[in-house]
Amino acid sequence: MRGQRDDTVDVLLVADDDETTRRIEAEFDDVAVETSVRVVTDGTEALRILTDSPAGPDLVLLDRHLSRTDGLELLEALADEAALGRCPVLVLARPGDSEAIRESYRLGANASLEKPTDAEGYTELVEVVADFWFRRAALPVGDG
């Protein structure tokens, strides 16, 4: 992500489901990469954090279904913020929600993943995300 791979990876988790939040935070505690997970429960707060912070997170995990500002509304707002275009955004959609997945990609998501339905699914989700985005992906560094 930014800097060395052995640096702490900052993750912004945008989810208002307590179970999703709890499970994802717990799984990130167990990955081999040092992570810092910041949780916000609505898209409006996430957008404020993303636009107010010059460094921003290394990765945004965005639940498609939020109770206040919808996840796709936030994704659309992020697309309008050119400076945020380098921050990978992964959208969590309900299993089988092909319309949400299609719309996520149309609005610029880097990936859309099915939201897990059990504990094993959360473990696998975080392991896959950490392996690809934190260990393997070559991402832009710095301002240019």
N, C-alpha and C. Protein backbone atom coordinates (compact mmCIF):
# COMPACT_ATOMS: atom_id res chain seq x y z
N MET A 1 0.85 -1.15 0.00
CA MET A 1 0.00 0.00 0.00
C MET A 1 0.91 1.23 0.00
N ARG A 2 0.82 2.08 0.98
CA ARG A 2 1.72 3.22 1.02
C ARG A 2 3.00 2.80 1.73
N GLY A 3 4.13 3.12 1.16
CA GLY A 3 5.39 2.81 1.82
C GLY A 3 5.72 1.33 1.80
N GLN A 4 6.39 0.85 2.84
CA GLN A 4 6.84 -0.54 2.92
C GLN A 4 5.68 -1.47 3.25
N ARG A 5 5.78 -2.70 2.78
CA ARG A 5 4.76 -3.70 3.06
C ARG A 5 4.74 -4.10 4.53
N ASP A 6 5.80 -3.81 5.26
CA ASP A 6 5.79 -4.16 6.67
C ASP A 6 5.22 -3.02 7.53
N ASP A 7 4.80 -1.93 6.89
CA ASP A 7 4.11 -0.86 7.60
C ASP A 7 2.72 -1.33 7.98
N THR A 8 2.12 -0.65 8.93
CA THR A 8 0.73 -0.93 9.29
C THR A 8 -0.17 -0.53 8.12
N VAL A 9 -1.10 -1.40 7.80
CA VAL A 9 -2.06 -1.15 6.73
C VAL A 9 -3.33 -0.59 7.37
N ASP A 10 -3.73 0.60 6.90
CA ASP A 10 -4.91 1.25 7.45
C ASP A 10 -6.14 0.88 6.62
N VAL A 11 -7.13 0.29 7.30
CA VAL A 11 -8.37 -0.14 6.66
C VAL A 11 -9.52 0.68 7.23
N LEU A 12 -10.34 1.24 6.34
CA LEU A 12 -11.56 1.91 6.76
C LEU A 12 -12.70 0.95 6.45
N LEU A 13 -13.36 0.47 7.49
CA LEU A 13 -14.50 -0.43 7.34
C LEU A 13 -15.77 0.39 7.51
N VAL A 14 -16.59 0.42 6.46
CA VAL A 14 -17.85 1.17 6.50
C VAL A 14 -18.96 0.14 6.53
N ALA A 15 -19.49 -0.09 7.74
CA ALA A 15 -20.54 -1.09 7.93
C ALA A 15 -21.34 -0.74 9.18
N ASP A 16 -22.65 -0.94 9.10
CA ASP A 16 -23.48 -0.65 10.27
C ASP A 16 -24.07 -1.91 10.89
N ASP A 17 -23.61 -3.05 10.45
CA ASP A 17 -24.04 -4.33 10.97
C ASP A 17 -23.03 -4.77 12.02
N ASP A 18 -23.45 -4.86 13.28
CA ASP A 18 -22.52 -5.19 14.37
C ASP A 18 -21.81 -6.51 14.16
N GLU A 19 -22.50 -7.52 13.65
CA GLU A 19 -21.87 -8.82 13.45
C GLU A 19 -20.77 -8.74 12.39
N THR A 20 -21.07 -8.06 11.28
CA THR A 20 -20.07 -7.88 10.22
C THR A 20 -18.85 -7.16 10.77
N THR A 21 -19.08 -6.08 11.47
CA THR A 21 -17.99 -5.29 12.04
C THR A 21 -17.14 -6.12 12.98
N ARG A 22 -17.79 -6.79 13.90
CA ARG A 22 -17.08 -7.58 14.92
C ARG A 22 -16.25 -8.68 14.27
N ARG A 23 -16.84 -9.39 13.32
CA ARG A 23 -16.14 -10.52 12.69
C ARG A 23 -14.95 -10.04 11.84
N ILE A 24 -15.15 -8.97 11.08
CA ILE A 24 -14.06 -8.48 10.23
C ILE A 24 -12.91 -7.94 11.08
N GLU A 25 -13.24 -7.18 12.12
CA GLU A 25 -12.18 -6.69 13.01
C GLU A 25 -11.40 -7.85 13.63
N ALA A 26 -12.10 -8.87 14.10
CA ALA A 26 -11.45 -10.02 14.73
C ALA A 26 -10.55 -10.75 13.73
N GLU A 27 -11.03 -10.90 12.51
CA GLU A 27 -10.22 -11.60 11.50
C GLU A 27 -8.99 -10.79 11.11
N PHE A 28 -9.11 -9.47 11.01
CA PHE A 28 -7.93 -8.66 10.69
C PHE A 28 -6.90 -8.73 11.81
N ASP A 29 -7.33 -8.96 13.04
CA ASP A 29 -6.39 -9.13 14.15
C ASP A 29 -5.53 -10.37 13.96
N ASP A 30 -6.05 -11.34 13.20
CA ASP A 30 -5.34 -12.62 13.04
C ASP A 30 -4.49 -12.72 11.78
N VAL A 31 -4.54 -11.74 10.88
CA VAL A 31 -3.74 -11.84 9.65
C VAL A 31 -2.29 -11.50 9.96
N ALA A 32 -1.39 -11.98 9.11
CA ALA A 32 0.04 -11.81 9.34
C ALA A 32 0.50 -10.37 9.13
N VAL A 33 -0.29 -9.58 8.42
CA VAL A 33 0.06 -8.19 8.15
C VAL A 33 -0.51 -7.32 9.27
N GLU A 34 0.31 -6.38 9.75
CA GLU A 34 -0.16 -5.46 10.79
C GLU A 34 -1.22 -4.53 10.20
N THR A 35 -2.42 -4.56 10.78
CA THR A 35 -3.51 -3.72 10.28
C THR A 35 -4.09 -2.86 11.39
N SER A 36 -4.61 -1.74 10.97
CA SER A 36 -5.37 -0.86 11.85
C SER A 36 -6.73 -0.68 11.19
N VAL A 37 -7.79 -1.14 11.85
CA VAL A 37 -9.13 -1.06 11.28
C VAL A 37 -9.91 0.04 11.99
N ARG A 38 -10.37 1.00 11.19
CA ARG A 38 -11.22 2.07 11.72
C ARG A 38 -12.63 1.80 11.20
N VAL A 39 -13.60 1.80 12.09
CA VAL A 39 -14.97 1.48 11.72
C VAL A 39 -15.83 2.74 11.77
N VAL A 40 -16.59 2.95 10.70
CA VAL A 40 -17.62 3.97 10.70
C VAL A 40 -18.91 3.29 10.25
N THR A 41 -20.03 3.83 10.71
CA THR A 41 -21.30 3.13 10.47
C THR A 41 -22.15 3.74 9.37
N ASP A 42 -21.72 4.84 8.78
CA ASP A 42 -22.50 5.37 7.67
C ASP A 42 -21.61 6.06 6.65
N GLY A 43 -22.12 6.16 5.44
CA GLY A 43 -21.37 6.70 4.33
C GLY A 43 -21.02 8.17 4.46
N THR A 44 -21.88 8.93 5.12
CA THR A 44 -21.62 10.35 5.30
C THR A 44 -20.37 10.57 6.15
N GLU A 45 -20.26 9.82 7.23
CA GLU A 45 -19.07 9.90 8.10
C GLU A 45 -17.84 9.41 7.35
N ALA A 46 -17.98 8.34 6.58
CA ALA A 46 -16.84 7.82 5.82
C ALA A 46 -16.35 8.85 4.82
N LEU A 47 -17.25 9.51 4.11
CA LEU A 47 -16.86 10.52 3.14
C LEU A 47 -16.14 11.68 3.82
N ARG A 48 -16.61 12.08 4.99
CA ARG A 48 -15.95 13.16 5.75
C ARG A 48 -14.53 12.75 6.11
N ILE A 49 -14.36 11.54 6.60
CA ILE A 49 -13.03 11.06 6.96
C ILE A 49 -12.12 11.00 5.74
N LEU A 50 -12.64 10.48 4.65
CA LEU A 50 -11.84 10.32 3.44
C LEU A 50 -11.44 11.65 2.81
N THR A 51 -12.30 12.65 2.89
CA THR A 51 -11.98 13.94 2.28
C THR A 51 -11.20 14.84 3.23
N ASP A 52 -11.32 14.64 4.54
CA ASP A 52 -10.61 15.49 5.50
C ASP A 52 -9.19 15.02 5.79
N SER A 53 -8.90 13.76 5.52
CA SER A 53 -7.59 13.21 5.86
C SER A 53 -6.68 13.22 4.63
N PRO A 54 -5.54 13.91 4.71
CA PRO A 54 -4.66 13.97 3.55
C PRO A 54 -4.08 12.61 3.16
N ALA A 55 -3.77 11.75 4.12
CA ALA A 55 -3.19 10.45 3.80
C ALA A 55 -4.27 9.44 3.43
N GLY A 56 -5.35 9.41 4.15
CA GLY A 56 -6.42 8.46 3.88
C GLY A 56 -6.03 7.04 4.21
N PRO A 57 -6.99 6.13 4.16
CA PRO A 57 -6.68 4.73 4.44
C PRO A 57 -6.01 4.07 3.25
N ASP A 58 -5.49 2.89 3.47
CA ASP A 58 -4.90 2.12 2.39
C ASP A 58 -5.96 1.32 1.63
N LEU A 59 -7.07 1.06 2.31
CA LEU A 59 -8.14 0.25 1.73
C LEU A 59 -9.46 0.61 2.39
N VAL A 60 -10.52 0.65 1.59
CA VAL A 60 -11.88 0.84 2.12
C VAL A 60 -12.67 -0.43 1.87
N LEU A 61 -13.23 -0.99 2.94
CA LEU A 61 -14.18 -2.09 2.84
C LEU A 61 -15.55 -1.49 3.08
N LEU A 62 -16.39 -1.53 2.06
CA LEU A 62 -17.67 -0.81 2.09
C LEU A 62 -18.83 -1.79 1.98
N ASP A 63 -19.66 -1.81 3.01
CA ASP A 63 -20.88 -2.61 2.96
C ASP A 63 -21.86 -1.93 2.02
N ARG A 64 -22.36 -2.64 1.06
CA ARG A 64 -23.29 -2.09 0.07
C ARG A 64 -24.57 -1.61 0.73
N HIS A 65 -25.02 -2.30 1.78
CA HIS A 65 -26.30 -2.00 2.42
C HIS A 65 -26.08 -1.32 3.76
N LEU A 66 -26.19 0.00 3.75
CA LEU A 66 -26.07 0.78 4.98
C LEU A 66 -27.44 1.39 5.27
N SER A 67 -27.72 1.65 6.54
CA SER A 67 -29.05 2.16 6.89
C SER A 67 -29.23 3.65 6.57
N ARG A 68 -28.19 4.42 6.61
CA ARG A 68 -28.33 5.85 6.33
C ARG A 68 -27.92 6.14 4.89
N THR A 69 -26.68 6.50 4.68
CA THR A 69 -26.20 6.73 3.32
C THR A 69 -25.85 5.38 2.71
N ASP A 70 -26.51 5.03 1.63
CA ASP A 70 -26.29 3.75 0.97
C ASP A 70 -24.85 3.63 0.52
N GLY A 71 -24.31 2.40 0.54
CA GLY A 71 -22.94 2.17 0.12
C GLY A 71 -22.65 2.62 -1.30
N LEU A 72 -23.63 2.45 -2.19
CA LEU A 72 -23.41 2.88 -3.58
C LEU A 72 -23.43 4.40 -3.70
N GLU A 73 -24.19 5.07 -2.85
CA GLU A 73 -24.15 6.54 -2.84
C GLU A 73 -22.77 7.02 -2.43
N LEU A 74 -22.18 6.36 -1.44
CA LEU A 74 -20.82 6.74 -1.03
C LEU A 74 -19.84 6.46 -2.16
N LEU A 75 -19.98 5.34 -2.81
CA LEU A 75 -19.09 4.99 -3.92
C LEU A 75 -19.18 6.04 -5.03
N GLU A 76 -20.38 6.50 -5.30
CA GLU A 76 -20.56 7.53 -6.33
C GLU A 76 -19.90 8.84 -5.90
N ALA A 77 -20.04 9.19 -4.63
CA ALA A 77 -19.39 10.41 -4.12
C ALA A 77 -17.88 10.28 -4.19
N LEU A 78 -17.35 9.09 -3.92
CA LEU A 78 -15.91 8.87 -3.99
C LEU A 78 -15.40 9.02 -5.41
N ALA A 79 -16.20 8.60 -6.37
CA ALA A 79 -15.80 8.73 -7.78
C ALA A 79 -15.63 10.19 -8.17
N ASP A 80 -16.37 11.07 -7.51
CA ASP A 80 -16.28 12.51 -7.80
C ASP A 80 -15.07 13.16 -7.13
N GLU A 81 -14.44 12.47 -6.22
CA GLU A 81 -13.28 12.99 -5.50
C GLU A 81 -12.01 12.43 -6.15
N ALA A 82 -11.44 13.14 -7.08
CA ALA A 82 -10.29 12.64 -7.86
C ALA A 82 -9.14 12.19 -6.97
N ALA A 83 -8.89 12.90 -5.89
CA ALA A 83 -7.76 12.55 -5.01
C ALA A 83 -7.96 11.19 -4.35
N LEU A 84 -9.20 10.74 -4.25
CA LEU A 84 -9.47 9.47 -3.60
C LEU A 84 -9.44 8.30 -4.58
N GLY A 85 -9.27 8.59 -5.83
CA GLY A 85 -9.32 7.56 -6.85
C GLY A 85 -8.27 6.49 -6.72
N ARG A 86 -7.18 6.76 -5.99
CA ARG A 86 -6.12 5.77 -5.83
C ARG A 86 -6.37 4.81 -4.68
N CYS A 87 -7.32 5.10 -3.83
CA CYS A 87 -7.60 4.26 -2.67
C CYS A 87 -8.52 3.11 -3.10
N PRO A 88 -8.04 1.87 -2.98
CA PRO A 88 -8.88 0.75 -3.38
C PRO A 88 -10.15 0.66 -2.52
N VAL A 89 -11.28 0.44 -3.19
CA VAL A 89 -12.56 0.29 -2.50
C VAL A 89 -13.12 -1.08 -2.86
N LEU A 90 -13.37 -1.88 -1.83
CA LEU A 90 -13.96 -3.20 -2.00
C LEU A 90 -15.37 -3.15 -1.43
N VAL A 91 -16.34 -3.53 -2.23
CA VAL A 91 -17.74 -3.48 -1.82
C VAL A 91 -18.20 -4.87 -1.40
N LEU A 92 -18.84 -4.93 -0.23
CA LEU A 92 -19.43 -6.18 0.25
C LEU A 92 -20.91 -6.17 -0.10
N ALA A 93 -21.33 -7.14 -0.89
CA ALA A 93 -22.73 -7.23 -1.32
C ALA A 93 -23.34 -8.52 -0.81
N ARG A 94 -24.66 -8.52 -0.68
CA ARG A 94 -25.35 -9.74 -0.26
C ARG A 94 -25.14 -10.83 -1.32
N PRO A 95 -25.02 -12.08 -0.87
CA PRO A 95 -24.85 -13.16 -1.84
C PRO A 95 -25.97 -13.16 -2.89
N GLY A 96 -25.57 -13.26 -4.13
CA GLY A 96 -26.53 -13.30 -5.22
C GLY A 96 -27.08 -11.96 -5.66
N ASP A 97 -26.63 -10.87 -5.07
CA ASP A 97 -27.13 -9.53 -5.43
C ASP A 97 -26.37 -9.02 -6.65
N SER A 98 -26.68 -9.61 -7.81
CA SER A 98 -25.93 -9.29 -9.03
C SER A 98 -26.09 -7.83 -9.45
N GLU A 99 -27.22 -7.22 -9.16
CA GLU A 99 -27.42 -5.81 -9.51
C GLU A 99 -26.47 -4.92 -8.70
N ALA A 100 -26.33 -5.18 -7.42
CA ALA A 100 -25.41 -4.39 -6.58
C ALA A 100 -23.97 -4.58 -7.04
N ILE A 101 -23.64 -5.80 -7.43
CA ILE A 101 -22.28 -6.07 -7.90
C ILE A 101 -22.01 -5.30 -9.19
N ARG A 102 -22.94 -5.38 -10.12
CA ARG A 102 -22.80 -4.65 -11.39
C ARG A 102 -22.67 -3.14 -11.15
N GLU A 103 -23.53 -2.62 -10.30
CA GLU A 103 -23.54 -1.18 -10.01
C GLU A 103 -22.25 -0.76 -9.30
N SER A 104 -21.73 -1.61 -8.43
CA SER A 104 -20.47 -1.31 -7.73
C SER A 104 -19.34 -1.10 -8.72
N TYR A 105 -19.23 -2.00 -9.68
CA TYR A 105 -18.17 -1.87 -10.68
C TYR A 105 -18.40 -0.66 -11.58
N ARG A 106 -19.65 -0.41 -11.93
CA ARG A 106 -19.95 0.75 -12.78
C ARG A 106 -19.51 2.04 -12.08
N LEU A 107 -19.66 2.09 -10.77
CA LEU A 107 -19.31 3.29 -10.01
C LEU A 107 -17.83 3.33 -9.60
N GLY A 108 -17.05 2.35 -10.02
CA GLY A 108 -15.61 2.43 -9.80
C GLY A 108 -15.03 1.57 -8.69
N ALA A 109 -15.80 0.66 -8.13
CA ALA A 109 -15.24 -0.23 -7.11
C ALA A 109 -14.09 -1.04 -7.72
N ASN A 110 -13.08 -1.30 -6.92
CA ASN A 110 -11.97 -2.12 -7.37
C ASN A 110 -12.33 -3.60 -7.33
N ALA A 111 -13.26 -3.95 -6.45
CA ALA A 111 -13.74 -5.33 -6.37
C ALA A 111 -15.06 -5.33 -5.63
N SER A 112 -15.87 -6.32 -5.93
CA SER A 112 -17.11 -6.55 -5.21
C SER A 112 -17.07 -7.98 -4.71
N LEU A 113 -17.28 -8.15 -3.43
CA LEU A 113 -17.19 -9.46 -2.80
C LEU A 113 -18.52 -9.79 -2.14
N GLU A 114 -18.89 -11.07 -2.18
CA GLU A 114 -20.10 -11.47 -1.49
C GLU A 114 -19.85 -11.43 0.01
N LYS A 115 -20.80 -10.84 0.72
CA LYS A 115 -20.71 -10.74 2.18
C LYS A 115 -20.86 -12.15 2.76
N PRO A 116 -19.96 -12.54 3.62
CA PRO A 116 -20.01 -13.89 4.18
C PRO A 116 -21.29 -14.13 5.00
N THR A 117 -21.64 -15.39 5.10
CA THR A 117 -22.84 -15.77 5.85
C THR A 117 -22.50 -16.58 7.10
N ASP A 118 -21.20 -16.90 7.28
CA ASP A 118 -20.81 -17.66 8.47
C ASP A 118 -19.37 -17.28 8.86
N ALA A 119 -18.95 -17.80 10.01
CA ALA A 119 -17.63 -17.47 10.54
C ALA A 119 -16.50 -17.86 9.59
N GLU A 120 -16.60 -19.04 9.00
CA GLU A 120 -15.57 -19.47 8.05
C GLU A 120 -15.48 -18.53 6.86
N GLY A 121 -16.62 -18.02 6.43
CA GLY A 121 -16.64 -17.09 5.30
C GLY A 121 -15.91 -15.79 5.62
N TYR A 122 -16.06 -15.30 6.85
CA TYR A 122 -15.35 -14.08 7.24
C TYR A 122 -13.84 -14.32 7.30
N THR A 123 -13.46 -15.49 7.81
CA THR A 123 -12.03 -15.82 7.85
C THR A 123 -11.46 -15.84 6.44
N GLU A 124 -12.14 -16.53 5.54
CA GLU A 124 -11.67 -16.62 4.16
C GLU A 124 -11.64 -15.25 3.49
N LEU A 125 -12.67 -14.44 3.69
CA LEU A 125 -12.73 -13.10 3.09
C LEU A 125 -11.51 -12.27 3.49
N VAL A 126 -11.23 -12.21 4.78
CA VAL A 126 -10.12 -11.38 5.26
C VAL A 126 -8.78 -11.95 4.80
N GLU A 127 -8.64 -13.26 4.79
CA GLU A 127 -7.39 -13.86 4.30
C GLU A 127 -7.15 -13.53 2.84
N VAL A 128 -8.19 -13.61 2.02
CA VAL A 128 -8.07 -13.31 0.59
C VAL A 128 -7.75 -11.83 0.38
N VAL A 129 -8.46 -10.96 1.08
CA VAL A 129 -8.22 -9.52 0.96
C VAL A 129 -6.79 -9.19 1.39
N ALA A 130 -6.36 -9.71 2.52
CA ALA A 130 -5.02 -9.42 3.01
C ALA A 130 -3.95 -9.96 2.06
N ASP A 131 -4.16 -11.17 1.57
CA ASP A 131 -3.16 -11.75 0.68
C ASP A 131 -3.04 -10.93 -0.61
N PHE A 132 -4.15 -10.63 -1.24
CA PHE A 132 -4.07 -9.92 -2.51
C PHE A 132 -3.72 -8.45 -2.32
N TRP A 133 -4.51 -7.72 -1.56
CA TRP A 133 -4.34 -6.26 -1.48
C TRP A 133 -3.15 -5.83 -0.65
N PHE A 134 -2.74 -6.61 0.36
CA PHE A 134 -1.66 -6.19 1.24
C PHE A 134 -0.32 -6.83 0.89
N ARG A 135 -0.33 -7.94 0.19
CA ARG A 135 0.92 -8.64 -0.09
C ARG A 135 1.27 -8.66 -1.58
N ARG A 136 0.30 -8.78 -2.46
CA ARG A 136 0.59 -9.03 -3.87
C ARG A 136 0.35 -7.85 -4.81
N ALA A 137 -0.69 -7.07 -4.56
CA ALA A 137 -1.05 -6.00 -5.49
C ALA A 137 0.00 -4.89 -5.50
N ALA A 138 0.32 -4.42 -6.70
CA ALA A 138 1.21 -3.26 -6.86
C ALA A 138 0.30 -2.04 -7.00
N LEU A 139 0.36 -1.17 -6.02
CA LEU A 139 -0.52 -0.01 -6.00
C LEU A 139 0.29 1.27 -6.03
N PRO A 140 -0.32 2.37 -6.49
CA PRO A 140 0.40 3.66 -6.55
C PRO A 140 0.84 4.10 -5.16
N VAL A 141 1.99 4.72 -5.10
CA VAL A 141 2.53 5.24 -3.85
C VAL A 141 2.74 6.72 -4.02
N GLY A 142 2.38 7.50 -3.00
CA GLY A 142 2.63 8.93 -3.03
C GLY A 142 1.59 9.70 -3.84
N ASP A 143 1.91 10.96 -4.15
CA ASP A 143 0.96 11.87 -4.79
C ASP A 143 0.92 11.76 -6.29
N GLY A 144 1.88 11.23 -6.95
CA GLY A 144 1.90 11.26 -8.38
C GLY A 144 1.91 9.98 -9.00
